[in-house]
Amino acid sequence: YYLIFLPPTHLRVAPFGDDDDAGIADFALVDFGIMFRFIEMEEVLQPAVSAYKGWVSLADLRRDPNIALYFSNILQKPVWDNEDFITYFEGHWETWEYNKKSQSVRLRPPEEKL
C-alpha cells in the first residue's frame, strides 16, 4: 500500500499498482516483520567490518555471526567463499579497500573516498 497525497489537503491509502490514482505517492507502508528480506549486502557488511576497527581478514568476516545469519536467513545460500568476497570488494572499490597479500578488507575512511 501507498500513502497518496491528493492536493491540496487530502491523503488516501491506495493499493500497490493502482495506476488510476492522480495523487502523489511518496510513502510506502511496510510490514517491518518482513523488511529484513530486503536488506542489502552493504547494510550487513559495513557494520560487521566497522566492529573490527580496521583491517578484517576474510576468514573472520566469513565467521561473523551477522553475516552468517544474513546468508542463511535472507539469501538462503551458504556464505560466499573468499573469491566471491574478493570480487565484491574489488567491484566496490570506492567503499572498500582489499589487501590481496593479507586477504583482508577495510572500509575506506571518508577522506579516501572520491
Foldseek 3Di string as FASTA:
>chain_A
DFWFDDPPHDIDDDDPPPVVDPTDTDGDDDDVVCCLLVDDPCNQPQVVQVVVPDKDAVVVVLVDPSQQCCCCPRVVHRRDDLVVVVVVCVVVVLQKDADPVRNIIHGDPPVSHD
